[in-house]
């Protein structure tokens, strides 16, 4: 959901792109190819048609993605560190997380739990 309107019951998250990077000529063991990627828009993960992604690599990335989606202090390591190592210790690939544009969400559209001051209908 994108919107230019801002209300007191909304919040913003960054869309993210996670791309496979590796030294030139490196043999990758995680099943990925350099340049493979997925995008995260809100809570939805989007893969290009015909592309797969290792569940083990995804498991290493998942704990970091919600934090990368949120605005952070410029001095926080989450703001500056953008690459995550492949969980296979023999694989030289990394996963580069890039913040794309921001997307606005309304609280009432993302949860059934009401705010203390009540979500508008």
PDB file of N, CA and C in Angstrom:
ATOM      1  N   UNK A   1       0.846  -1.178   0.000  1.00  0.00           N
ATOM      2  CA  UNK A   1       0.000   0.000   0.000  1.00  0.00           C
ATOM      3  C   UNK A   1       0.885   1.232   0.000  1.00  0.00           C
ATOM      4  N   UNK A   2       0.760   2.069  -0.975  1.00  0.00           N
ATOM      5  CA  UNK A   2       1.496   3.323  -0.999  1.00  0.00           C
ATOM      6  C   UNK A   2       0.504   4.457  -0.931  1.00  0.00           C
ATOM      7  N   UNK A   3       0.929   5.529  -0.316  1.00  0.00           N
ATOM      8  CA  UNK A   3       0.052   6.682  -0.184  1.00  0.00           C
ATOM      9  C   UNK A   3       0.881   7.908   0.129  1.00  0.00           C
ATOM     10  N   UNK A   4       0.453   9.046  -0.391  1.00  0.00           N
ATOM     11  CA  UNK A   4       1.109  10.302  -0.068  1.00  0.00           C
ATOM     12  C   UNK A   4       0.504  10.933   1.174  1.00  0.00           C
ATOM     13  N   UNK A   5      -0.615  10.411   1.621  1.00  0.00           N
ATOM     14  CA  UNK A   5      -1.267  10.989   2.796  1.00  0.00           C
ATOM     15  C   UNK A   5      -0.637  10.427   4.050  1.00  0.00           C
ATOM     16  N   UNK A   6      -0.590  11.264   5.051  1.00  0.00           N
ATOM     17  CA  UNK A   6      -0.017  10.871   6.335  1.00  0.00           C
ATOM     18  C   UNK A   6      -1.080  11.072   7.392  1.00  0.00           C
ATOM     19  N   UNK A   7      -1.331  10.063   8.167  1.00  0.00           N
ATOM     20  CA  UNK A   7      -2.236  10.255   9.292  1.00  0.00           C
ATOM     21  C   UNK A   7      -1.571   9.712  10.545  1.00  0.00           C
ATOM     22  N   UNK A   8      -2.136  10.036  11.677  1.00  0.00           N
ATOM     23  CA  UNK A   8      -1.519   9.671  12.952  1.00  0.00           C
ATOM     24  C   UNK A   8      -1.516   8.171  13.210  1.00  0.00           C
ATOM     25  N   UNK A   9      -2.222   7.404  12.406  1.00  0.00           N
ATOM     26  CA  UNK A   9      -2.297   5.968  12.610  1.00  0.00           C
ATOM     27  C   UNK A   9      -1.530   5.207  11.536  1.00  0.00           C
ATOM     28  N   UNK A  10      -0.547   5.863  10.926  1.00  0.00           N
ATOM     29  CA  UNK A  10       0.216   5.214   9.873  1.00  0.00           C
ATOM     30  C   UNK A  10       1.700   5.189  10.226  1.00  0.00           C
ATOM     31  N   UNK A  11       2.425   4.376   9.484  1.00  0.00           N
ATOM     32  CA  UNK A  11       3.873   4.259   9.683  1.00  0.00           C
ATOM     33  C   UNK A  11       4.509   3.938   8.345  1.00  0.00           C
ATOM     34  N   UNK A  12       5.818   4.166   8.250  1.00  0.00           N
ATOM     35  CA  UNK A  12       6.551   3.905   7.020  1.00  0.00           C
ATOM     36  C   UNK A  12       7.571   2.792   7.227  1.00  0.00           C
ATOM     37  N   UNK A  13       7.734   2.003   6.187  1.00  0.00           N
ATOM     38  CA  UNK A  13       8.783   0.989   6.126  1.00  0.00           C
ATOM     39  C   UNK A  13       9.517   1.153   4.801  1.00  0.00           C
ATOM     40  N   UNK A  14      10.802   0.851   4.806  1.00  0.00           N
ATOM     41  CA  UNK A  14      11.551   0.817   3.561  1.00  0.00           C
ATOM     42  C   UNK A  14      11.232  -0.471   2.815  1.00  0.00           C
ATOM     43  N   UNK A  15      11.105  -0.375   1.501  1.00  0.00           N
ATOM     44  CA  UNK A  15      11.157  -1.553   0.657  1.00  0.00           C
ATOM     45  C   UNK A  15      12.634  -1.929   0.591  1.00  0.00           C
ATOM     46  N   UNK A  16      12.921  -3.215   0.515  1.00  0.00           N
ATOM     47  CA  UNK A  16      14.303  -3.688   0.483  1.00  0.00           C
ATOM     48  C   UNK A  16      14.559  -4.546  -0.737  1.00  0.00           C
ATOM     49  N   UNK A  17      15.781  -4.493  -1.220  1.00  0.00           N
ATOM     50  CA  UNK A  17      16.253  -5.436  -2.231  1.00  0.00           C
ATOM     51  C   UNK A  17      17.435  -6.170  -1.620  1.00  0.00           C
ATOM     52  N   UNK A  18      17.416  -7.489  -1.719  1.00  0.00           N
ATOM     53  CA  UNK A  18      18.507  -8.324  -1.231  1.00  0.00           C
ATOM     54  C   UNK A  18      19.101  -9.026  -2.449  1.00  0.00           C
ATOM     55  N   UNK A  19      20.377  -8.724  -2.718  1.00  0.00           N
ATOM     56  CA  UNK A  19      21.034  -9.219  -3.932  1.00  0.00           C
ATOM     57  C   UNK A  19      22.275 -10.024  -3.587  1.00  0.00           C
ATOM     58  N   UNK A  20      22.500 -11.091  -4.327  1.00  0.00           N
ATOM     59  CA  UNK A  20      23.674 -11.937  -4.148  1.00  0.00           C
ATOM     60  C   UNK A  20      24.880 -11.255  -4.785  1.00  0.00           C
ATOM     61  N   UNK A  21      25.948 -11.096  -4.005  1.00  0.00           N
ATOM     62  CA  UNK A  21      27.216 -10.571  -4.501  1.00  0.00           C
ATOM     63  C   UNK A  21      28.315 -11.552  -4.098  1.00  0.00           C
ATOM     64  N   UNK A  22      29.390 -11.584  -4.889  1.00  0.00           N
ATOM     65  CA  UNK A  22      30.506 -12.487  -4.602  1.00  0.00           C
ATOM     66  C   UNK A  22      31.725 -12.019  -5.392  1.00  0.00           C
ATOM     67  N   UNK A  23      32.911 -12.435  -4.941  1.00  0.00           N
ATOM     68  CA  UNK A  23      34.109 -12.119  -5.722  1.00  0.00           C
ATOM     69  C   UNK A  23      34.006 -12.738  -7.124  1.00  0.00           C
ATOM     70  N   UNK A  24      34.566 -12.057  -8.107  1.00  0.00           N
ATOM     71  CA  UNK A  24      34.519 -12.556  -9.476  1.00  0.00           C
ATOM     72  C   UNK A  24      35.122 -13.957  -9.559  1.00  0.00           C
ATOM     73  N   UNK A  25      34.425 -14.859 -10.236  1.00  0.00           N
ATOM     74  CA  UNK A  25      34.897 -16.227 -10.438  1.00  0.00           C
ATOM     75  C   UNK A  25      34.729 -17.147  -9.242  1.00  0.00           C
ATOM     76  N   UNK A  26      34.150 -16.673  -8.166  1.00  0.00           N
ATOM     77  CA  UNK A  26      33.990 -17.503  -6.966  1.00  0.00           C
ATOM     78  C   UNK A  26      32.984 -18.625  -7.211  1.00  0.00           C
ATOM     79  N   UNK A  27      33.263 -19.785  -6.628  1.00  0.00           N
ATOM     80  CA  UNK A  27      32.320 -20.908  -6.678  1.00  0.00           C
ATOM     81  C   UNK A  27      31.367 -20.755  -5.508  1.00  0.00           C
ATOM     82  N   UNK A  28      30.057 -20.669  -5.815  1.00  0.00           N
ATOM     83  CA  UNK A  28      29.045 -20.503  -4.779  1.00  0.00           C
ATOM     84  C   UNK A  28      28.428 -21.855  -4.450  1.00  0.00           C
ATOM     85  N   UNK A  29      28.213 -22.098  -3.170  1.00  0.00           N
ATOM     86  CA  UNK A  29      27.679 -23.382  -2.715  1.00  0.00           C
ATOM     87  C   UNK A  29      26.244 -23.278  -2.217  1.00  0.00           C
ATOM     88  N   UNK A  30      25.699 -22.091  -2.206  1.00  0.00           N
ATOM     89  CA  UNK A  30      24.353 -21.894  -1.649  1.00  0.00           C
ATOM     90  C   UNK A  30      23.264 -22.010  -2.709  1.00  0.00           C
ATOM     91  N   UNK A  31      23.642 -22.347  -3.947  1.00  0.00           N
ATOM     92  CA  UNK A  31      22.659 -22.486  -5.014  1.00  0.00           C
ATOM     93  C   UNK A  31      22.307 -21.173  -5.687  1.00  0.00           C
ATOM     94  N   UNK A  32      22.931 -20.097  -5.275  1.00  0.00           N
ATOM     95  CA  UNK A  32      22.631 -18.780  -5.838  1.00  0.00           C
ATOM     96  C   UNK A  32      23.561 -18.466  -6.996  1.00  0.00           C
ATOM     97  N   UNK A  33      23.174 -17.474  -7.758  1.00  0.00           N
ATOM     98  CA  UNK A  33      24.009 -16.899  -8.805  1.00  0.00           C
ATOM     99  C   UNK A  33      24.200 -15.428  -8.476  1.00  0.00           C
ATOM    100  N   UNK A  34      25.369 -14.907  -8.773  1.00  0.00           N
ATOM    101  CA  UNK A  34      25.605 -13.484  -8.565  1.00  0.00           C
ATOM    102  C   UNK A  34      24.519 -12.709  -9.307  1.00  0.00           C
ATOM    103  N   UNK A  35      23.941 -11.751  -8.641  1.00  0.00           N
ATOM    104  CA  UNK A  35      22.873 -10.949  -9.233  1.00  0.00           C
ATOM    105  C   UNK A  35      21.477 -11.419  -8.887  1.00  0.00           C
ATOM    106  N   UNK A  36      21.338 -12.665  -8.402  1.00  0.00           N
ATOM    107  CA  UNK A  36      20.021 -13.111  -7.938  1.00  0.00           C
ATOM    108  C   UNK A  36      19.554 -12.163  -6.841  1.00  0.00           C
ATOM    109  N   UNK A  37      18.260 -11.952  -6.754  1.00  0.00           N
ATOM    110  CA  UNK A  37      17.754 -11.039  -5.729  1.00  0.00           C
ATOM    111  C   UNK A  37      16.307 -11.363  -5.390  1.00  0.00           C
ATOM    112  N   UNK A  38      15.861 -10.779  -4.303  1.00  0.00           N
ATOM    113  CA  UNK A  38      14.439 -10.701  -4.010  1.00  0.00           C
ATOM    114  C   UNK A  38      14.183  -9.328  -3.434  1.00  0.00           C
ATOM    115  N   UNK A  39      12.933  -8.919  -3.469  1.00  0.00           N
ATOM    116  CA  UNK A  39      12.541  -7.645  -2.867  1.00  0.00           C
ATOM    117  C   UNK A  39      11.534  -7.909  -1.772  1.00  0.00           C
ATOM    118  N   UNK A  40      11.605  -7.097  -0.743  1.00  0.00           N
ATOM    119  CA  UNK A  40      10.668  -7.157   0.371  1.00  0.00           C
ATOM    120  C   UNK A  40       9.885  -5.857   0.365  1.00  0.00           C
ATOM    121  N   UNK A  41       8.569  -5.974   0.206  1.00  0.00           N
ATOM    122  CA  UNK A  41       7.669  -4.809   0.204  1.00  0.00           C
ATOM    123  C   UNK A  41       6.654  -5.042   1.314  1.00  0.00           C
ATOM    124  N   UNK A  42       6.816  -4.278   2.384  1.00  0.00           N
ATOM    125  CA  UNK A  42       6.008  -4.570   3.568  1.00  0.00           C
ATOM    126  C   UNK A  42       6.408  -5.934   4.080  1.00  0.00           C
ATOM    127  N   UNK A  43       5.444  -6.812   4.251  1.00  0.00           N
ATOM    128  CA  UNK A  43       5.764  -8.162   4.714  1.00  0.00           C
ATOM    129  C   UNK A  43       5.855  -9.166   3.574  1.00  0.00           C
ATOM    130  N   UNK A  44       5.699  -8.702   2.338  1.00  0.00           N
ATOM    131  CA  UNK A  44       5.641  -9.606   1.197  1.00  0.00           C
ATOM    132  C   UNK A  44       6.987  -9.701   0.483  1.00  0.00           C
ATOM    133  N   UNK A  45       7.470 -10.932   0.339  1.00  0.00           N
ATOM    134  CA  UNK A  45       8.723 -11.219  -0.345  1.00  0.00           C
ATOM    135  C   UNK A  45       8.421 -11.509  -1.810  1.00  0.00           C
ATOM    136  N   UNK A  46       9.120 -10.841  -2.713  1.00  0.00           N
ATOM    137  CA  UNK A  46       8.887 -10.986  -4.152  1.00  0.00           C
ATOM    138  C   UNK A  46      10.159 -11.476  -4.827  1.00  0.00           C
ATOM    139  N   UNK A  47      10.063 -12.610  -5.526  1.00  0.00           N
ATOM    140  CA  UNK A  47      11.159 -13.160  -6.320  1.00  0.00           C
ATOM    141  C   UNK A  47      10.846 -12.948  -7.800  1.00  0.00           C
ATOM    142  N   UNK A  48      11.860 -12.671  -8.615  1.00  0.00           N
ATOM    143  CA  UNK A  48      11.616 -12.597 -10.058  1.00  0.00           C
ATOM    144  C   UNK A  48      11.146 -13.968 -10.564  1.00  0.00           C
ATOM    145  N   UNK A  49      10.360 -13.991 -11.638  1.00  0.00           N
ATOM    146  CA  UNK A  49       9.891 -15.272 -12.193  1.00  0.00           C
ATOM    147  C   UNK A  49      11.048 -16.208 -12.515  1.00  0.00           C
ATOM    148  N   UNK A  50      10.902 -17.459 -12.142  1.00  0.00           N
ATOM    149  CA  UNK A  50      11.897 -18.475 -12.456  1.00  0.00           C
ATOM    150  C   UNK A  50      13.121 -18.492 -11.563  1.00  0.00           C
ATOM    151  N   UNK A  51      13.188 -17.617 -10.586  1.00  0.00           N
ATOM    152  CA  UNK A  51      14.360 -17.573  -9.704  1.00  0.00           C
ATOM    153  C   UNK A  51      14.021 -18.196  -8.354  1.00  0.00           C
ATOM    154  N   UNK A  52      14.963 -18.927  -7.797  1.00  0.00           N
ATOM    155  CA  UNK A  52      14.781 -19.556  -6.489  1.00  0.00           C
ATOM    156  C   UNK A  52      15.731 -18.915  -5.485  1.00  0.00           C
ATOM    157  N   UNK A  53      15.529 -19.238  -4.210  1.00  0.00           N
ATOM    158  CA  UNK A  53      16.398 -18.705  -3.161  1.00  0.00           C
ATOM    159  C   UNK A  53      16.482 -19.742  -2.049  1.00  0.00           C
ATOM    160  N   UNK A  54      17.684 -20.046  -1.601  1.00  0.00           N
ATOM    161  CA  UNK A  54      17.916 -21.064  -0.575  1.00  0.00           C
ATOM    162  C   UNK A  54      17.214 -20.713   0.745  1.00  0.00           C
ATOM    163  N   UNK A  55      16.532 -21.700   1.322  1.00  0.00           N
ATOM    164  CA  UNK A  55      15.883 -21.451   2.617  1.00  0.00           C
ATOM    165  C   UNK A  55      16.917 -21.216   3.716  1.00  0.00           C
ATOM    166  N   UNK A  56      18.109 -21.764   3.575  1.00  0.00           N
ATOM    167  CA  UNK A  56      19.155 -21.559   4.582  1.00  0.00           C
ATOM    168  C   UNK A  56      19.685 -20.124   4.516  1.00  0.00           C
ATOM    169  N   UNK A  57      19.855 -19.624   3.298  1.00  0.00           N
ATOM    170  CA  UNK A  57      20.262 -18.226   3.136  1.00  0.00           C
ATOM    171  C   UNK A  57      19.163 -17.306   3.653  1.00  0.00           C
ATOM    172  N   UNK A  58      17.938 -17.625   3.321  1.00  0.00           N
ATOM    173  CA  UNK A  58      16.810 -16.823   3.776  1.00  0.00           C
ATOM    174  C   UNK A  58      16.717 -16.825   5.298  1.00  0.00           C
ATOM    175  N   UNK A  59      16.967 -17.968   5.922  1.00  0.00           N
ATOM    176  CA  UNK A  59      16.927 -18.060   7.390  1.00  0.00           C
ATOM    177  C   UNK A  59      17.975 -17.151   8.034  1.00  0.00           C
ATOM    178  N   UNK A  60      19.131 -16.985   7.389  1.00  0.00           N
ATOM    179  CA  UNK A  60      20.171 -16.103   7.922  1.00  0.00           C
ATOM    180  C   UNK A  60      19.769 -14.635   7.787  1.00  0.00           C
ATOM    181  N   UNK A  61      18.987 -14.324   6.769  1.00  0.00           N
ATOM    182  CA  UNK A  61      18.595 -12.940   6.494  1.00  0.00           C
ATOM    183  C   UNK A  61      17.356 -12.485   7.254  1.00  0.00           C
ATOM    184  N   UNK A  62      16.412 -13.370   7.471  1.00  0.00           N
ATOM    185  CA  UNK A  62      15.107 -12.989   8.033  1.00  0.00           C
ATOM    186  C   UNK A  62      15.169 -12.178   9.322  1.00  0.00           C
ATOM    187  N   UNK A  63      16.021 -12.504  10.289  1.00  0.00           N
ATOM    188  CA  UNK A  63      16.025 -11.694  11.517  1.00  0.00           C
ATOM    189  C   UNK A  63      16.434 -10.235  11.301  1.00  0.00           C
ATOM    190  N   UNK A  64      17.191  -9.956  10.248  1.00  0.00           N
ATOM    191  CA  UNK A  64      17.677  -8.604   9.999  1.00  0.00           C
ATOM    192  C   UNK A  64      16.710  -7.744   9.196  1.00  0.00           C
ATOM    193  N   UNK A  65      15.866  -8.358   8.389  1.00  0.00           N
ATOM    194  CA  UNK A  65      15.056  -7.603   7.440  1.00  0.00           C
ATOM    195  C   UNK A  65      14.059  -6.646   8.093  1.00  0.00           C
ATOM    196  N   UNK A  66      13.318  -7.036   9.138  1.00  0.00           N
ATOM    197  CA  UNK A  66      12.403  -6.062   9.756  1.00  0.00           C
ATOM    198  C   UNK A  66      13.134  -4.838  10.318  1.00  0.00           C
ATOM    199  N   UNK A  67      14.327  -5.035  10.846  1.00  0.00           N
ATOM    200  CA  UNK A  67      15.094  -3.897  11.358  1.00  0.00           C
ATOM    201  C   UNK A  67      15.579  -3.006  10.222  1.00  0.00           C
ATOM    202  N   UNK A  68      15.994  -3.605   9.105  1.00  0.00           N
ATOM    203  CA  UNK A  68      16.439  -2.820   7.957  1.00  0.00           C
ATOM    204  C   UNK A  68      15.280  -2.049   7.323  1.00  0.00           C
ATOM    205  N   UNK A  69      14.061  -2.518   7.509  1.00  0.00           N
ATOM    206  CA  UNK A  69      12.900  -1.827   6.944  1.00  0.00           C
ATOM    207  C   UNK A  69      12.579  -0.535   7.693  1.00  0.00           C
ATOM    208  N   UNK A  70      13.025  -0.426   8.928  1.00  0.00           N
ATOM    209  CA  UNK A  70      12.663   0.722   9.749  1.00  0.00           C
ATOM    210  C   UNK A  70      13.752   1.792   9.727  1.00  0.00           C
ATOM    211  N   UNK A  71      13.325   3.041   9.926  1.00  0.00           N
ATOM    212  CA  UNK A  71      14.282   4.148  10.010  1.00  0.00           C
ATOM    213  C   UNK A  71      15.171   3.922  11.231  1.00  0.00           C
ATOM    214  N   UNK A  72      16.460   4.140  11.066  1.00  0.00           N
ATOM    215  CA  UNK A  72      17.416   3.970  12.158  1.00  0.00           C
ATOM    216  C   UNK A  72      18.294   5.206  12.261  1.00  0.00           C
ATOM    217  N   UNK A  73      18.894   5.379  13.415  1.00  0.00           N
ATOM    218  CA  UNK A  73      19.824   6.487  13.618  1.00  0.00           C
ATOM    219  C   UNK A  73      20.993   6.325  12.639  1.00  0.00           C
ATOM    220  N   UNK A  74      21.477   7.410  12.060  1.00  0.00           N
ATOM    221  CA  UNK A  74      22.591   7.303  11.103  1.00  0.00           C
ATOM    222  C   UNK A  74      23.842   6.661  11.693  1.00  0.00           C
ATOM    223  N   UNK A  75      24.024   6.702  13.010  1.00  0.00           N
ATOM    224  CA  UNK A  75      25.204   6.117  13.649  1.00  0.00           C
ATOM    225  C   UNK A  75      25.005   4.655  14.039  1.00  0.00           C
ATOM    226  N   UNK A  76      23.808   4.149  13.893  1.00  0.00           N
ATOM    227  CA  UNK A  76      23.499   2.755  14.205  1.00  0.00           C
ATOM    228  C   UNK A  76      24.122   1.871  13.121  1.00  0.00           C
ATOM    229  N   UNK A  77      24.716   0.742  13.516  1.00  0.00           N
ATOM    230  CA  UNK A  77      25.328  -0.146  12.530  1.00  0.00           C
ATOM    231  C   UNK A  77      24.299  -0.642  11.517  1.00  0.00           C
ATOM    232  N   UNK A  78      23.030  -0.703  11.909  1.00  0.00           N
ATOM    233  CA  UNK A  78      21.994  -1.164  11.001  1.00  0.00           C
ATOM    234  C   UNK A  78      21.823  -0.191   9.828  1.00  0.00           C
ATOM    235  N   UNK A  79      22.205   1.063  10.028  1.00  0.00           N
ATOM    236  CA  UNK A  79      22.125   2.064   8.957  1.00  0.00           C
ATOM    237  C   UNK A  79      23.268   1.943   7.962  1.00  0.00           C
ATOM    238  N   UNK A  80      24.411   1.415   8.392  1.00  0.00           N
ATOM    239  CA  UNK A  80      25.598   1.414   7.546  1.00  0.00           C
ATOM    240  C   UNK A  80      25.989   0.040   7.020  1.00  0.00           C
ATOM    241  N   UNK A  81      25.801  -1.012   7.804  1.00  0.00           N
ATOM    242  CA  UNK A  81      26.224  -2.345   7.383  1.00  0.00           C
ATOM    243  C   UNK A  81      25.164  -2.934   6.457  1.00  0.00           C
ATOM    244  N   UNK A  82      25.566  -3.328   5.272  1.00  0.00           N
ATOM    245  CA  UNK A  82      24.584  -3.731   4.271  1.00  0.00           C
ATOM    246  C   UNK A  82      24.783  -5.137   3.734  1.00  0.00           C
ATOM    247  N   UNK A  83      25.841  -5.846   4.139  1.00  0.00           N
ATOM    248  CA  UNK A  83      26.086  -7.172   3.589  1.00  0.00           C
ATOM    249  C   UNK A  83      26.080  -8.231   4.677  1.00  0.00           C
ATOM    250  N   UNK A  84      25.455  -9.358   4.347  1.00  0.00           N
ATOM    251  CA  UNK A  84      25.349 -10.495   5.258  1.00  0.00           C
ATOM    252  C   UNK A  84      26.029 -11.681   4.585  1.00  0.00           C
ATOM    253  N   UNK A  85      26.865 -12.392   5.321  1.00  0.00           N
ATOM    254  CA  UNK A  85      27.574 -13.546   4.773  1.00  0.00           C
ATOM    255  C   UNK A  85      26.620 -14.716   4.565  1.00  0.00           C
ATOM    256  N   UNK A  86      26.902 -15.489   3.550  1.00  0.00           N
ATOM    257  CA  UNK A  86      26.170 -16.740   3.332  1.00  0.00           C
ATOM    258  C   UNK A  86      26.369 -17.616   4.562  1.00  0.00           C
ATOM    259  N   UNK A  87      25.333 -18.327   5.003  1.00  0.00           N
ATOM    260  CA  UNK A  87      25.498 -19.170   6.193  1.00  0.00           C
ATOM    261  C   UNK A  87      26.404 -20.391   5.977  1.00  0.00           C
ATOM    262  N   UNK A  88      26.673 -20.756   4.728  1.00  0.00           N
ATOM    263  CA  UNK A  88      27.604 -21.846   4.446  1.00  0.00           C
ATOM    264  C   UNK A  88      29.016 -21.291   4.596  1.00  0.00           C
ATOM    265  N   UNK A  89      29.799 -21.782   5.573  1.00  0.00           N
ATOM    266  CA  UNK A  89      31.137 -21.217   5.802  1.00  0.00           C
ATOM    267  C   UNK A  89      32.097 -21.404   4.628  1.00  0.00           C
ATOM    268  N   UNK A  90      31.760 -22.296   3.687  1.00  0.00           N
ATOM    269  CA  UNK A  90      32.610 -22.521   2.523  1.00  0.00           C
ATOM    270  C   UNK A  90      32.188 -21.703   1.310  1.00  0.00           C
ATOM    271  N   UNK A  91      31.094 -20.964   1.432  1.00  0.00           N
ATOM    272  CA  UNK A  91      30.570 -20.185   0.316  1.00  0.00           C
ATOM    273  C   UNK A  91      30.992 -18.730   0.473  1.00  0.00           C
ATOM    274  N   UNK A  92      31.633 -18.143  -0.537  1.00  0.00           N
ATOM    275  CA  UNK A  92      32.114 -16.766  -0.424  1.00  0.00           C
ATOM    276  C   UNK A  92      31.055 -15.699  -0.744  1.00  0.00           C
ATOM    277  N   UNK A  93      29.815 -16.132  -1.010  1.00  0.00           N
ATOM    278  CA  UNK A  93      28.805 -15.138  -1.380  1.00  0.00           C
ATOM    279  C   UNK A  93      28.355 -14.327  -0.169  1.00  0.00           C
ATOM    280  N   UNK A  94      27.793 -13.161  -0.488  1.00  0.00           N
ATOM    281  CA  UNK A  94      27.210 -12.272   0.506  1.00  0.00           C
ATOM    282  C   UNK A  94      25.867 -11.821  -0.051  1.00  0.00           C
ATOM    283  N   UNK A  95      25.053 -11.308   0.846  1.00  0.00           N
ATOM    284  CA  UNK A  95      23.741 -10.812   0.456  1.00  0.00           C
ATOM    285  C   UNK A  95      23.687  -9.333   0.806  1.00  0.00           C
ATOM    286  N   UNK A  96      23.626  -8.498  -0.235  1.00  0.00           N
ATOM    287  CA  UNK A  96      23.622  -7.047  -0.040  1.00  0.00           C
ATOM    288  C   UNK A  96      22.175  -6.566   0.111  1.00  0.00           C
ATOM    289  N   UNK A  97      21.905  -5.910   1.235  1.00  0.00           N
ATOM    290  CA  UNK A  97      20.568  -5.379   1.527  1.00  0.00           C
ATOM    291  C   UNK A  97      20.568  -3.891   1.206  1.00  0.00           C
ATOM    292  N   UNK A  98      19.720  -3.494   0.281  1.00  0.00           N
ATOM    293  CA  UNK A  98      19.618  -2.097  -0.131  1.00  0.00           C
ATOM    294  C   UNK A  98      18.232  -1.573   0.206  1.00  0.00           C
ATOM    295  N   UNK A  99      18.207  -0.423   0.868  1.00  0.00           N
ATOM    296  CA  UNK A  99      16.928   0.231   1.141  1.00  0.00           C
ATOM    297  C   UNK A  99      16.476   0.953  -0.110  1.00  0.00           C
ATOM    298  N   UNK A 100      15.250   0.684  -0.515  1.00  0.00           N
ATOM    299  CA  UNK A 100      14.657   1.357  -1.664  1.00  0.00           C
ATOM    300  C   UNK A 100      13.742   2.452  -1.126  1.00  0.00           C
ATOM    301  N   UNK A 101      12.718   2.803  -1.829  1.00  0.00           N
ATOM    302  CA  UNK A 101      11.780   3.834  -1.369  1.00  0.00           C
ATOM    303  C   UNK A 101      10.989   3.389  -0.148  1.00  0.00           C
ATOM    304  N   UNK A 102      10.374   4.365   0.490  1.00  0.00           N
ATOM    305  CA  UNK A 102       9.535   4.079   1.652  1.00  0.00           C
ATOM    306  C   UNK A 102       8.102   3.825   1.205  1.00  0.00           C
ATOM    307  N   UNK A 103       7.422   3.022   1.984  1.00  0.00           N
ATOM    308  CA  UNK A 103       6.031   2.678   1.737  1.00  0.00           C
ATOM    309  C   UNK A 103       5.270   2.952   3.033  1.00  0.00           C
ATOM    310  N   UNK A 104       4.088   3.552   2.931  1.00  0.00           N
ATOM    311  CA  UNK A 104       3.287   3.898   4.108  1.00  0.00           C
ATOM    312  C   UNK A 104       2.193   2.848   4.322  1.00  0.00           C
ATOM    313  N   UNK A 105       2.001   2.480   5.583  1.00  0.00           N
ATOM    314  CA  UNK A 105       0.985   1.509   5.981  1.00  0.00           C
ATOM    315  C   UNK A 105       0.116   2.115   7.078  1.00  0.00           C
ATOM    316  N   UNK A 106      -1.126   1.704   7.124  1.00  0.00           N
ATOM    317  CA  UNK A 106      -2.031   2.116   8.198  1.00  0.00           C
ATOM    318  C   UNK A 106      -2.101   0.985   9.227  1.00  0.00           C
ATOM    319  N   UNK A 107      -2.066   1.350  10.471  1.00  0.00           N
ATOM    320  CA  UNK A 107      -2.123   0.376  11.558  1.00  0.00           C
ATOM    321  C   UNK A 107      -3.308  -0.571  11.393  1.00  0.00           C
ATOM    322  N   UNK A 108      -4.480  -0.033  11.146  1.00  0.00           N
ATOM    323  CA  UNK A 108      -5.694  -0.846  11.050  1.00  0.00           C
ATOM    324  C   UNK A 108      -5.656  -1.837   9.885  1.00  0.00           C
ATOM    325  N   UNK A 109      -4.824  -1.578   8.874  1.00  0.00           N
ATOM    326  CA  UNK A 109      -4.714  -2.490   7.737  1.00  0.00           C
ATOM    327  C   UNK A 109      -3.709  -3.610   7.973  1.00  0.00           C
ATOM    328  N   UNK A 110      -2.931  -3.520   9.048  1.00  0.00           N
ATOM    329  CA  UNK A 110      -1.866  -4.498   9.279  1.00  0.00           C
ATOM    330  C   UNK A 110      -2.081  -5.371  10.506  1.00  0.00           C
ATOM    331  N   UNK A 111      -3.074  -5.049  11.337  1.00  0.00           N
ATOM    332  CA  UNK A 111      -3.314  -5.835  12.540  1.00  0.00           C
ATOM    333  C   UNK A 111      -4.753  -5.664  13.011  1.00  0.00           C
ATOM    334  N   UNK A 112      -5.259  -6.654  13.740  1.00  0.00           N
ATOM    335  CA  UNK A 112      -6.598  -6.563  14.333  1.00  0.00           C
ATOM    336  C   UNK A 112      -6.542  -5.890  15.702  1.00  0.00           C
ATOM    337  N   UNK A 113      -5.341  -5.728  16.244  1.00  0.00           N
ATOM    338  CA  UNK A 113      -5.184  -5.112  17.556  1.00  0.00           C
ATOM    339  C   UNK A 113      -5.398  -3.608  17.422  1.00  0.00           C
ATOM    340  N   UNK A 114      -6.323  -3.077  18.213  1.00  0.00           N
ATOM    341  CA  UNK A 114      -6.648  -1.651  18.151  1.00  0.00           C
ATOM    342  C   UNK A 114      -5.631  -0.837  18.929  1.00  0.00           C
ATOM    343  N   UNK A 115      -5.405   0.395  18.455  1.00  0.00           N
ATOM    344  CA  UNK A 115      -4.593   1.347  19.204  1.00  0.00           C
ATOM    345  C   UNK A 115      -5.406   1.842  20.394  1.00  0.00           C
ATOM    346  N   UNK A 116      -4.730   2.334  21.409  1.00  0.00           N
ATOM    347  CA  UNK A 116      -5.424   2.822  22.609  1.00  0.00           C
ATOM    348  C   UNK A 116      -6.408   3.930  22.274  1.00  0.00           C
ATOM    349  N   UNK A 117      -6.071   4.795  21.280  1.00  0.00           N
ATOM    350  CA  UNK A 117      -6.978   5.886  20.927  1.00  0.00           C
ATOM    351  C   UNK A 117      -7.914   5.498  19.780  1.00  0.00           C
ATOM    352  N   UNK A 118      -8.021   4.216  19.489  1.00  0.00           N
ATOM    353  CA  UNK A 118      -8.939   3.627  18.507  1.00  0.00           C
ATOM    354  C   UNK A 118      -8.606   4.011  17.065  1.00  0.00           C
ATOM    355  N   UNK A 119      -8.429   2.994  16.273  1.00  0.00           N
ATOM    356  CA  UNK A 119      -8.213   3.193  14.832  1.00  0.00           C
ATOM    357  C   UNK A 119      -9.488   3.695  14.190  1.00  0.00           C
ATOM    358  N   UNK A 120      -9.370   4.633  13.259  1.00  0.00           N
ATOM    359  CA  UNK A 120     -10.564   5.034  12.509  1.00  0.00           C
ATOM    360  C   UNK A 120     -10.976   3.897  11.581  1.00  0.00           C
ATOM    361  N   UNK A 121     -12.197   3.796  11.291  1.00  0.00           N
ATOM    362  CA  UNK A 121     -12.730   2.732  10.398  1.00  0.00           C
ATOM    363  C   UNK A 121     -12.198   2.917   9.003  1.00  0.00           C
TER     364      UNK A 121
END
